[in-house]
C-alpha atoms as a PDB file:
ATOM      1  CA  MET A   1     -14.577  16.377  -0.987  1.00  0.00           C
ATOM      2  CA  SER A   2     -16.264  13.208  -0.371  1.00  0.00           C
ATOM      3  CA  PRO A   3     -14.269  10.022  -1.008  1.00  0.00           C
ATOM      4  CA  VAL A   4     -15.474   7.394  -3.406  1.00  0.00           C
ATOM      5  CA  ARG A   5     -15.169   3.816  -3.568  1.00  0.00           C
ATOM      6  CA  ILE A   6     -12.707   1.830  -5.797  1.00  0.00           C
ATOM      7  CA  LEU A   7     -12.609  -1.934  -6.218  1.00  0.00           C
ATOM      8  CA  LEU A   8      -9.029  -3.576  -6.469  1.00  0.00           C
ATOM      9  CA  VAL A   9      -8.061  -6.866  -7.843  1.00  0.00           C
ATOM     10  CA  ALA A  10      -4.667  -8.452  -8.204  1.00  0.00           C
ATOM     11  CA  PRO A  11      -2.931  -7.197 -11.463  1.00  0.00           C
ATOM     12  CA  ALA A  12      -2.188 -10.821 -12.790  1.00  0.00           C
ATOM     13  CA  VAL A  13      -6.182 -11.257 -12.655  1.00  0.00           C
ATOM     14  CA  ALA A  14      -7.473  -8.098 -13.888  1.00  0.00           C
ATOM     15  CA  ALA A  15      -6.986  -4.101 -13.614  1.00  0.00           C
ATOM     16  CA  ALA A  16      -8.490  -2.103 -10.966  1.00  0.00           C
ATOM     17  CA  ALA A  17     -12.004  -1.123 -11.731  1.00  0.00           C
ATOM     18  CA  VAL A  18     -13.640   1.880 -10.462  1.00  0.00           C
ATOM     19  CA  LEU A  19     -17.104   1.557  -8.926  1.00  0.00           C
ATOM     20  CA  ALA A  20     -19.618   3.921  -7.547  1.00  0.00           C
ATOM     21  CA  ALA A  21     -20.558   7.810  -7.547  1.00  0.00           C
ATOM     22  CA  GLY A  22     -19.392  10.451  -4.890  1.00  0.00           C
ATOM     23  CA  ALA A  23     -22.212  10.441  -2.429  1.00  0.00           C
ATOM     24  CA  LEU A  24     -22.328  12.546   0.279  1.00  0.00           C
ATOM     25  CA  ALA A  25     -22.021   9.754   2.723  1.00  0.00           C
ATOM     26  CA  THR A  26     -18.529   7.768   3.051  1.00  0.00           C
ATOM     27  CA  PRO A  27     -19.095   4.623   0.744  1.00  0.00           C
ATOM     28  CA  THR A  28     -19.160   1.328   2.156  1.00  0.00           C
ATOM     29  CA  THR A  29     -16.040  -0.821   1.494  1.00  0.00           C
ATOM     30  CA  THR A  30     -16.030  -4.696   1.226  1.00  0.00           C
ATOM     31  CA  GLU A  31     -12.735  -5.821   2.326  1.00  0.00           C
ATOM     32  CA  CYS A  32     -14.516  -8.044   5.255  1.00  0.00           C
ATOM     33  CA  LYS A  33     -17.799  -8.488   3.380  1.00  0.00           C
ATOM     34  CA  GLY A  34     -18.806 -12.139   3.888  1.00  0.00           C
ATOM     35  CA  VAL A  35     -15.516 -12.932   5.507  1.00  0.00           C
ATOM     36  CA  LYS A  36     -15.893 -14.549   8.982  1.00  0.00           C
ATOM     37  CA  GLY A  37     -13.452 -13.680  11.595  1.00  0.00           C
ATOM     38  CA  CYS A  38     -12.472 -10.690   9.532  1.00  0.00           C
ATOM     39  CA  ILE A  39     -10.828  -7.769  11.021  1.00  0.00           C
ATOM     40  CA  ASP A  40     -10.771  -4.359   9.054  1.00  0.00           C
ATOM     41  CA  VAL A  41      -7.436  -2.728   8.943  1.00  0.00           C
ATOM     42  CA  VAL A  42      -7.632   1.034   7.342  1.00  0.00           C
ATOM     43  CA  GLY A  43      -4.586   2.766   6.118  1.00  0.00           C
ATOM     44  CA  PRO A  44      -3.910   6.371   6.010  1.00  0.00           C
ATOM     45  CA  TRP A  45      -4.530   8.741   2.946  1.00  0.00           C
ATOM     46  CA  VAL A  46      -2.005   8.344   0.776  1.00  0.00           C
ATOM     47  CA  ALA A  47      -0.801  11.045  -1.675  1.00  0.00           C
ATOM     48  CA  VAL A  48      -0.899  10.327  -5.172  1.00  0.00           C
ATOM     49  CA  PRO A  49       1.083  12.528  -7.595  1.00  0.00           C
ATOM     50  CA  ALA A  50      -0.398  13.902 -10.670  1.00  0.00           C
ATOM     51  CA  HIS A  51       2.276  12.135 -12.838  1.00  0.00           C
ATOM     52  CA  GLY A  52       4.139   8.747 -11.723  1.00  0.00           C
ATOM     53  CA  GLN A  53       3.160   6.247  -9.429  1.00  0.00           C
ATOM     54  CA  VAL A  54       3.042   5.841  -5.514  1.00  0.00           C
ATOM     55  CA  THR A  55       3.349   2.536  -3.560  1.00  0.00           C
ATOM     56  CA  TYR A  56       2.301   1.802  -0.075  1.00  0.00           C
ATOM     57  CA  LEU A  57       2.564  -1.354   2.335  1.00  0.00           C
ATOM     58  CA  LEU A  58      -0.434  -1.900   4.182  1.00  0.00           C
ATOM     59  CA  GLN A  59       0.108  -4.801   7.068  1.00  0.00           C
ATOM     60  CA  CYS A  60      -2.378  -6.909   9.046  1.00  0.00           C
ATOM     61  CA  PRO A  61      -1.698  -6.718  12.976  1.00  0.00           C
ATOM     62  CA  LYS A  62       1.513  -8.523  13.969  1.00  0.00           C
ATOM     63  CA  ASN A  63       0.194  -9.399  17.399  1.00  0.00           C
ATOM     64  CA  ARG A  64      -1.401 -12.807  15.631  1.00  0.00           C
ATOM     65  CA  SER A  65      -0.528 -14.682  12.352  1.00  0.00           C
ATOM     66  CA  ARG A  66      -2.872 -13.356   9.941  1.00  0.00           C
ATOM     67  CA  GLU A  67      -3.439 -13.219   5.854  1.00  0.00           C
ATOM     68  CA  ILE A  68      -5.619 -11.046   3.950  1.00  0.00           C
ATOM     69  CA  GLY A  69      -8.915 -12.292   2.675  1.00  0.00           C
ATOM     70  CA  GLY A  70     -10.088  -8.984   1.111  1.00  0.00           C
ATOM     71  CA  VAL A  71      -8.992  -5.647  -0.061  1.00  0.00           C
ATOM     72  CA  ASP A  72     -10.480  -2.266  -1.089  1.00  0.00           C
ATOM     73  CA  ALA A  73      -9.704   1.586  -1.008  1.00  0.00           C
ATOM     74  CA  LEU A  74     -11.581   4.790  -1.118  1.00  0.00           C
ATOM     75  CA  ALA A  75     -10.250   7.733  -3.261  1.00  0.00           C
ATOM     76  CA  SER A  76     -10.393  11.498  -3.540  1.00  0.00           C
ATOM     77  CA  SER A  77     -11.812  11.011  -6.931  1.00  0.00           C
ATOM     78  CA  GLN A  78     -12.589   8.249  -9.786  1.00  0.00           C
ATOM     79  CA  ASP A  79      -9.313   9.739 -11.307  1.00  0.00           C
ATOM     80  CA  ILE A  80      -7.380   7.761  -9.064  1.00  0.00           C
ATOM     81  CA  HIS A  81      -6.602   4.015 -10.021  1.00  0.00           C
ATOM     82  CA  VAL A  82      -5.389   1.540  -7.525  1.00  0.00           C
ATOM     83  CA  THR A  83      -4.110  -2.110  -7.709  1.00  0.00           C
ATOM     84  CA  PHE A  84      -2.170  -4.467  -5.402  1.00  0.00           C
ATOM     85  CA  ASP A  85       0.356  -6.888  -6.364  1.00  0.00           C
ATOM     86  CA  GLY A  86      -0.943 -10.479  -5.934  1.00  0.00           C
ATOM     87  CA  LEU A  87       1.065 -13.761  -5.557  1.00  0.00           C
ATOM     88  CA  LEU A  88       1.405 -16.388  -8.200  1.00  0.00           C
ATOM     89  CA  GLY A  89      -0.437 -19.619  -7.506  1.00  0.00           C
ATOM     90  CA  GLY A  90      -3.738 -21.410  -7.730  1.00  0.00           C
ATOM     91  CA  PRO A  91      -6.511 -21.222  -6.600  1.00  0.00           C
ATOM     92  CA  VAL A  92      -6.716 -17.341  -6.291  1.00  0.00           C
ATOM     93  CA  SER A  93      -7.216 -17.263  -2.537  1.00  0.00           C
ATOM     94  CA  PRO A  94      -6.125 -15.978   0.984  1.00  0.00           C
ATOM     95  CA  GLY A  95      -2.781 -17.581   1.758  1.00  0.00           C
ATOM     96  CA  VAL A  96      -2.092 -18.220  -1.931  1.00  0.00           C
ATOM     97  CA  THR A  97      -2.563 -15.006  -3.556  1.00  0.00           C
ATOM     98  CA  THR A  98      -2.277 -12.835  -0.639  1.00  0.00           C
ATOM     99  CA  GLY A  99      -0.095 -12.766   2.752  1.00  0.00           C
ATOM    100  CA  ALA A 100      -0.151 -10.866   5.678  1.00  0.00           C
ATOM    101  CA  SER A 101       0.580  -7.506   3.940  1.00  0.00           C
ATOM    102  CA  ALA A 102      -0.636  -5.568   0.851  1.00  0.00           C
ATOM    103  CA  TYR A 103       1.449  -3.952  -1.765  1.00  0.00           C
ATOM    104  CA  PHE A 104      -0.752  -1.228  -3.255  1.00  0.00           C
ATOM    105  CA  ARG A 105      -0.003   1.070  -6.167  1.00  0.00           C
ATOM    106  CA  ALA A 106      -1.890   4.159  -7.291  1.00  0.00           C
ATOM    107  CA  VAL A 107      -1.721   6.301 -10.105  1.00  0.00           C
ATOM    108  CA  SER A 108      -3.694   9.132 -11.412  1.00  0.00           C
ATOM    109  CA  GLY A 109      -5.394   8.861 -14.883  1.00  0.00           C
ATOM    110  CA  HIS A 110      -5.667  12.317 -15.998  1.00  0.00           C
ATOM    111  CA  GLY A 111      -2.772  14.188 -14.509  1.00  0.00           C
ATOM    112  CA  LEU A 112      -4.331  15.225 -11.571  1.00  0.00           C
ATOM    113  CA  ALA A 113      -2.997  15.023  -8.078  1.00  0.00           C
ATOM    114  CA  GLY A 114      -5.056  13.329  -5.360  1.00  0.00           C
ATOM    115  CA  SER A 115      -5.074  10.455  -2.574  1.00  0.00           C
ATOM    116  CA  PHE A 116      -6.178   7.307  -1.677  1.00  0.00           C
ATOM    117  CA  GLN A 117      -6.970   5.019   1.506  1.00  0.00           C
ATOM    118  CA  PRO A 118      -5.951   1.634   1.324  1.00  0.00           C
ATOM    119  CA  ARG A 119      -7.911  -1.096   3.168  1.00  0.00           C
ATOM    120  CA  ILE A 120      -7.500  -4.864   3.851  1.00  0.00           C
ATOM    121  CA  GLY A 121      -9.535  -7.438   5.729  1.00  0.00           C
ATOM    122  CA  CYS A 122      -7.254  -9.780   7.988  1.00  0.00           C
ATOM    123  CA  LEU A 123      -8.269 -13.222   9.111  1.00  0.00           C
ATOM    124  CA  PRO A 124      -6.421 -16.256  11.165  1.00  0.00           C
ATOM    125  CA  ALA A 125      -4.106 -17.796   8.902  1.00  0.00           C
ATOM    126  CA  SER A 126      -5.159 -21.179   7.436  1.00  0.00           C
ATOM    127  CA  GLY A 127      -2.267 -22.119   5.234  1.00  0.00           C
ATOM    128  CA  GLY A 128      -3.791 -21.737   2.120  1.00  0.00           C
ATOM    129  CA  GLY A 129      -4.981 -23.945  -0.456  1.00  0.00           C
ATOM    130  CA  GLY A 130      -2.877 -26.250  -2.252  1.00  0.00           C
ATOM    131  CA  ARG A 131      -1.048 -25.607  -5.521  1.00  0.00           C
ATOM    132  CA  GLN A 132      -1.737 -27.453  -8.860  1.00  0.00           C
ATOM    133  CA  THR A 133       1.444 -27.607 -10.724  1.00  0.00           C
ATOM    134  CA  THR A 134       2.451 -28.114 -14.522  1.00  0.00           C
ATOM    135  CA  SER A 135       5.888 -28.684 -15.904  1.00  0.00           C
ATOM    136  CA  ALA A 136       7.563 -27.332 -19.292  1.00  0.00           C
ATOM    137  CA  ARG A 137      11.242 -28.043 -20.885  1.00  0.00           C
ATOM    138  CA  ASP A 138      13.854 -25.507 -20.669  1.00  0.00           C
ATOM    139  CA  ALA A 139      11.709 -23.611 -18.102  1.00  0.00           C
ATOM    140  CA  THR A 140      11.963 -23.138 -14.322  1.00  0.00           C
ATOM    141  CA  PRO A 141       9.621 -21.613 -11.675  1.00  0.00           C
ATOM    142  CA  VAL A 142       9.592 -18.366 -10.980  1.00  0.00           C
ATOM    143  CA  GLY A 143      11.957 -17.211  -7.784  1.00  0.00           C
ATOM    144  CA  PRO A 144       9.850 -16.953  -4.327  1.00  0.00           C
ATOM    145  CA  ALA A 145       7.900 -13.833  -3.615  1.00  0.00           C
ATOM    146  CA  LEU A 146       9.929 -10.716  -2.865  1.00  0.00           C
ATOM    147  CA  ILE A 147      10.341  -9.617   0.583  1.00  0.00           C
ATOM    148  CA  LEU A 148       8.577  -6.365   1.542  1.00  0.00           C
ATOM    149  CA  ASN A 149       9.562  -4.276   4.705  1.00  0.00           C
ATOM    150  CA  ALA A 150       8.555  -0.611   5.851  1.00  0.00           C
ATOM    151  CA  THR A 151       8.825   1.806   8.483  1.00  0.00           C
ATOM    152  CA  THR A 152       6.922   4.825   8.930  1.00  0.00           C
ATOM    153  CA  VAL A 153       7.826   8.446  10.565  1.00  0.00           C
ATOM    154  CA  LEU A 154       5.347  10.782  11.840  1.00  0.00           C
ATOM    155  CA  VAL A 155       5.938  14.534  10.427  1.00  0.00           C
ATOM    156  CA  ALA A 156       5.543  17.609  12.294  1.00  0.00           C
ATOM    157  CA  PRO A 157       5.901  21.247  11.129  1.00  0.00           C
ATOM    158  CA  GLY A 158       9.639  22.648  11.404  1.00  0.00           C
ATOM    159  CA  ILE A 159      11.015  19.086  12.314  1.00  0.00           C
ATOM    160  CA  VAL A 160      13.704  16.631  10.303  1.00  0.00           C
ATOM    161  CA  ARG A 161      13.089  13.116  10.641  1.00  0.00           C
ATOM    162  CA  LEU A 162      15.390  10.348   9.592  1.00  0.00           C
ATOM    163  CA  ALA A 163      14.767   6.846   8.936  1.00  0.00           C
ATOM    164  CA  HIS A 164      16.992   3.929   7.581  1.00  0.00           C
ATOM    165  CA  LEU A 165      15.940   0.547   6.248  1.00  0.00           C
ATOM    166  CA  GLN A 166      18.088  -2.448   5.189  1.00  0.00           C
ATOM    167  CA  CYS A 167      16.994  -5.965   3.987  1.00  0.00           C
ATOM    168  CA  PRO A 168      17.041  -9.051   6.372  1.00  0.00           C
ATOM    169  CA  SER A 169      20.391 -10.861   6.729  1.00  0.00           C
ATOM    170  CA  GLY A 170      21.094 -13.060   3.676  1.00  0.00           C
ATOM    171  CA  ALA A 171      18.487 -11.135   1.373  1.00  0.00           C
ATOM    172  CA  HIS A 172      19.517  -9.065  -1.869  1.00  0.00           C
ATOM    173  CA  PHE A 173      18.498  -5.267  -2.082  1.00  0.00           C
ATOM    174  CA  VAL A 174      16.142  -4.813  -4.988  1.00  0.00           C
ATOM    175  CA  SER A 175      14.742  -1.159  -4.592  1.00  0.00           C
ATOM    176  CA  SER A 176      12.985   0.994  -2.339  1.00  0.00           C
ATOM    177  CA  TRP A 177       9.955   3.408  -2.078  1.00  0.00           C
ATOM    178  CA  THR A 178       8.737   6.291  -0.139  1.00  0.00           C
ATOM    179  CA  ALA A 179       5.051   7.630   0.218  1.00  0.00           C
ATOM    180  CA  THR A 180       3.434  10.540   2.147  1.00  0.00           C
ATOM    181  CA  ALA A 181       0.157  10.062   3.901  1.00  0.00           C
ATOM    182  CA  PHE A 182      -2.024  11.826   6.264  1.00  0.00           C
ATOM    183  CA  GLN A 183      -4.148  10.480   9.106  1.00  0.00           C
ATOM    184  CA  THR A 184      -7.216  11.905   8.510  1.00  0.00           C
ATOM    185  CA  ALA A 185     -11.028  11.196   8.081  1.00  0.00           C
ATOM    186  CA  ASP A 186     -11.434  12.679   4.921  1.00  0.00           C
ATOM    187  CA  PRO A 187      -8.973  13.046   1.840  1.00  0.00           C
ATOM    188  CA  PRO A 188      -6.801  15.749   2.461  1.00  0.00           C
ATOM    189  CA  ASP A 189      -5.795  18.877   0.570  1.00  0.00           C
ATOM    190  CA  VAL A 190      -3.558  17.817  -2.290  1.00  0.00           C
ATOM    191  CA  GLY A 191      -1.492  20.859  -1.732  1.00  0.00           C
ATOM    192  CA  LEU A 192      -0.361  19.620   1.697  1.00  0.00           C
ATOM    193  CA  THR A 193       2.490  17.469   0.014  1.00  0.00           C
ATOM    194  CA  ALA A 194       4.075  20.815  -0.918  1.00  0.00           C
ATOM    195  CA  ALA A 195       5.096  21.652   2.853  1.00  0.00           C
ATOM    196  CA  ILE A 196       6.925  18.072   2.954  1.00  0.00           C
ATOM    197  CA  HIS A 197      10.359  17.424   1.460  1.00  0.00           C
ATOM    198  CA  VAL A 198      11.229  13.813   1.276  1.00  0.00           C
ATOM    199  CA  GLN A 199      14.950  12.819   0.078  1.00  0.00           C
ATOM    200  CA  ARG A 200      15.638   9.372  -0.425  1.00  0.00           C
ATOM    201  CA  THR A 201      18.952   7.745  -0.881  1.00  0.00           C
ATOM    202  CA  GLU A 202      20.020   4.041  -1.716  1.00  0.00           C
ATOM    203  CA  ALA A 203      23.454   2.949  -0.837  1.00  0.00           C
ATOM    204  CA  SER A 204      25.264  -0.604   0.285  1.00  0.00           C
ATOM    205  CA  GLY A 205      22.132  -2.467  -0.062  1.00  0.00           C
ATOM    206  CA  ALA A 206      20.045  -0.066   2.391  1.00  0.00           C
ATOM    207  CA  ALA A 207      17.678   2.944   2.034  1.00  0.00           C
ATOM    208  CA  SER A 208      17.565   6.173   3.821  1.00  0.00           C
ATOM    209  CA  MET A 209      15.437   9.078   3.972  1.00  0.00           C
ATOM    210  CA  ARG A 210      15.422  12.537   5.333  1.00  0.00           C
ATOM    211  CA  VAL A 211      12.050  14.011   5.711  1.00  0.00           C
ATOM    212  CA  THR A 212      11.623  17.952   6.229  1.00  0.00           C
ATOM    213  CA  ALA A 213       8.556  19.770   7.080  1.00  0.00           C
ATOM    214  CA  SER A 214       7.929  23.553   6.720  1.00  0.00           C
ATOM    215  CA  GLU A 215       6.044  25.717   9.627  1.00  0.00           C
ATOM    216  CA  ALA A 216       3.147  25.908   7.076  1.00  0.00           C
ATOM    217  CA  LEU A 217       2.001  22.042   7.664  1.00  0.00           C
ATOM    218  CA  PRO A 218      -1.058  21.718  10.073  1.00  0.00           C
ATOM    219  CA  LEU A 219      -0.556  19.518  12.884  1.00  0.00           C
ATOM    220  CA  ASN A 220      -4.375  17.979  12.716  1.00  0.00           C
ATOM    221  CA  VAL A 221      -3.298  16.206   9.219  1.00  0.00           C
ATOM    222  CA  HIS A 222      -1.072  13.893  11.390  1.00  0.00           C
ATOM    223  CA  ALA A 223       1.209  13.685   8.224  1.00  0.00           C
ATOM    224  CA  GLN A 224       3.660  10.393   7.911  1.00  0.00           C
ATOM    225  CA  VAL A 225       5.983   9.281   5.625  1.00  0.00           C
ATOM    226  CA  GLN A 226       6.577   5.432   4.856  1.00  0.00           C
ATOM    227  CA  LEU A 227      10.183   4.248   3.667  1.00  0.00           C
ATOM    228  CA  GLY A 228      10.128   0.913   2.277  1.00  0.00           C
ATOM    229  CA  VAL A 229      12.706  -1.618   0.790  1.00  0.00           C
ATOM    230  CA  ILE A 230      12.007  -4.597  -1.783  1.00  0.00           C
ATOM    231  CA  CYS A 231      14.446  -7.556  -1.198  1.00  0.00           C
ATOM    232  CA  ALA A 232      15.114 -10.907  -2.979  1.00  0.00           C
ATOM    233  CA  ALA A 233      15.876 -13.956  -0.944  1.00  0.00           C
END
């Protein structure tokens, strides 16, 4: 199955739009188009269930302070719809709307399981633009951006993997997520997720998961599961 390209915009600006037809060649993505010094960061193929939403956190390299200058994605079909969470503030720009990571959301539009491959373009942090403010009586600014943290475990057939993640000291636990993904060149077979069982629990301001893979899981799909937590300062 050939991947198709989807255009991503922050939900606060507009809904995600689906572009391009499924050509035989891999479509060109635009996360670094026209952005000087941009580094292309490609995520794995994240499994999207037939019903419900999947979320995935993709981060810029940690060896240098960077912010995101562009986002894009490929999908197994145009039935997969993807957005990412943008931060509040103006003007809409790197360092204001985006930071060093992008939190993607994906759903199936017609109840068909599939997958998507998130992509971000990272550039040296510049501090972003200035913010223009207005005031209103009996109102207050929104709270600071939520803190997102994630860890990923590699999955092998017949192996049980455990992971535990908590919020930074002083932060309040809000919720958590898990996402199953595959590090393959092309969209993986949607049936592969049936070979991976993920059990997630939340307790005492932290999240844990237990991942079990059956012997039917092929080694060459390089399966992985991400565990993430959402925290409030």
